[in-house]
Amino acid sequence: MASPKHDYSFWTKYKRFATTEILMYLIMVIGIGLGIIFLS
């Protein structure tokens, strides 16, 4: 078990998770903005 390899895999996993979370937040913000525009 090499330590650098584990660290690399952990960072790639975290980066992928972070990007999916950012995309979810972006979709949520866009949805709220569209809802406010349509309601007003």
N, C-alpha and C. Protein backbone atom coordinates (compact mmCIF):
# COMPACT_ATOMS: atom_id res chain seq x y z
N MET A 1 0.85 -1.20 0.00
CA MET A 1 0.00 0.00 0.00
C MET A 1 0.89 1.25 0.00
N ALA A 2 0.97 1.92 -1.12
CA ALA A 2 1.79 3.13 -1.19
C ALA A 2 0.97 4.33 -0.71
N SER A 3 1.56 5.15 0.12
CA SER A 3 0.84 6.30 0.66
C SER A 3 0.48 7.32 -0.42
N PRO A 4 1.40 7.68 -1.33
CA PRO A 4 1.06 8.69 -2.35
C PRO A 4 -0.11 8.24 -3.22
N LYS A 5 -0.15 6.94 -3.58
CA LYS A 5 -1.23 6.45 -4.43
C LYS A 5 -2.57 6.64 -3.71
N HIS A 6 -2.62 6.28 -2.43
CA HIS A 6 -3.86 6.43 -1.65
C HIS A 6 -4.27 7.90 -1.62
N ASP A 7 -3.31 8.77 -1.39
CA ASP A 7 -3.59 10.21 -1.34
C ASP A 7 -4.15 10.67 -2.69
N TYR A 8 -3.53 10.21 -3.78
CA TYR A 8 -3.97 10.63 -5.12
C TYR A 8 -5.42 10.18 -5.37
N SER A 9 -5.72 8.92 -5.05
CA SER A 9 -7.08 8.42 -5.27
C SER A 9 -8.06 9.20 -4.40
N PHE A 10 -7.67 9.49 -3.16
CA PHE A 10 -8.55 10.24 -2.27
C PHE A 10 -8.84 11.62 -2.86
N TRP A 11 -7.82 12.28 -3.36
CA TRP A 11 -8.03 13.63 -3.91
C TRP A 11 -8.88 13.59 -5.17
N THR A 12 -8.69 12.58 -6.03
CA THR A 12 -9.51 12.51 -7.24
C THR A 12 -10.96 12.25 -6.85
N LYS A 13 -11.17 11.35 -5.88
CA LYS A 13 -12.54 11.09 -5.42
C LYS A 13 -13.15 12.37 -4.86
N TYR A 14 -12.39 13.09 -4.01
CA TYR A 14 -12.92 14.31 -3.40
C TYR A 14 -13.23 15.35 -4.46
N LYS A 15 -12.36 15.46 -5.46
CA LYS A 15 -12.57 16.47 -6.52
C LYS A 15 -13.87 16.14 -7.27
N ARG A 16 -14.05 14.86 -7.60
CA ARG A 16 -15.27 14.47 -8.31
C ARG A 16 -16.50 14.78 -7.45
N PHE A 17 -16.43 14.47 -6.16
CA PHE A 17 -17.55 14.74 -5.26
C PHE A 17 -17.82 16.24 -5.18
N ALA A 18 -16.74 17.03 -5.11
CA ALA A 18 -16.90 18.49 -5.02
C ALA A 18 -17.55 19.04 -6.29
N THR A 19 -17.14 18.53 -7.45
CA THR A 19 -17.73 19.04 -8.70
C THR A 19 -19.20 18.68 -8.77
N THR A 20 -19.58 17.46 -8.36
CA THR A 20 -21.00 17.10 -8.38
C THR A 20 -21.78 17.97 -7.42
N GLU A 21 -21.20 18.25 -6.24
CA GLU A 21 -21.89 19.10 -5.26
C GLU A 21 -22.05 20.51 -5.81
N ILE A 22 -21.02 21.04 -6.47
CA ILE A 22 -21.10 22.40 -7.05
C ILE A 22 -22.17 22.42 -8.13
N LEU A 23 -22.23 21.37 -8.96
CA LEU A 23 -23.26 21.31 -10.01
C LEU A 23 -24.65 21.29 -9.38
N MET A 24 -24.83 20.52 -8.29
CA MET A 24 -26.12 20.46 -7.62
C MET A 24 -26.51 21.84 -7.10
N TYR A 25 -25.54 22.54 -6.47
CA TYR A 25 -25.83 23.88 -5.95
C TYR A 25 -26.16 24.84 -7.09
N LEU A 26 -25.44 24.74 -8.20
CA LEU A 26 -25.71 25.62 -9.34
C LEU A 26 -27.13 25.39 -9.87
N ILE A 27 -27.52 24.12 -10.02
CA ILE A 27 -28.87 23.81 -10.50
C ILE A 27 -29.90 24.36 -9.52
N MET A 28 -29.65 24.21 -8.21
CA MET A 28 -30.58 24.72 -7.20
C MET A 28 -30.71 26.24 -7.32
N VAL A 29 -29.57 26.95 -7.42
CA VAL A 29 -29.60 28.41 -7.52
C VAL A 29 -30.32 28.84 -8.79
N ILE A 30 -30.03 28.18 -9.90
CA ILE A 30 -30.69 28.54 -11.17
C ILE A 30 -32.20 28.29 -11.05
N GLY A 31 -32.58 27.19 -10.44
CA GLY A 31 -34.00 26.87 -10.27
C GLY A 31 -34.68 27.93 -9.41
N ILE A 32 -34.05 28.33 -8.31
CA ILE A 32 -34.65 29.37 -7.45
C ILE A 32 -34.77 30.68 -8.22
N GLY A 33 -33.70 31.04 -8.97
CA GLY A 33 -33.75 32.29 -9.76
C GLY A 33 -34.86 32.26 -10.78
N LEU A 34 -35.01 31.14 -11.49
CA LEU A 34 -36.08 31.03 -12.48
C LEU A 34 -37.43 31.11 -11.80
N GLY A 35 -37.56 30.45 -10.66
CA GLY A 35 -38.83 30.50 -9.93
C GLY A 35 -39.19 31.92 -9.52
N ILE A 36 -38.22 32.68 -9.03
CA ILE A 36 -38.48 34.08 -8.64
C ILE A 36 -38.87 34.89 -9.87
N ILE A 37 -38.19 34.68 -10.98
CA ILE A 37 -38.49 35.45 -12.21
C ILE A 37 -39.92 35.11 -12.68
N PHE A 38 -40.27 33.84 -12.65
CA PHE A 38 -41.61 33.44 -13.14
C PHE A 38 -42.69 33.89 -12.17
N LEU A 39 -42.39 33.90 -10.86
CA LEU A 39 -43.42 34.29 -9.88
C LEU A 39 -43.62 35.80 -9.86
N SER A 40 -42.58 36.57 -10.15
CA SER A 40 -42.72 38.03 -10.07
C SER A 40 -43.34 38.62 -11.34
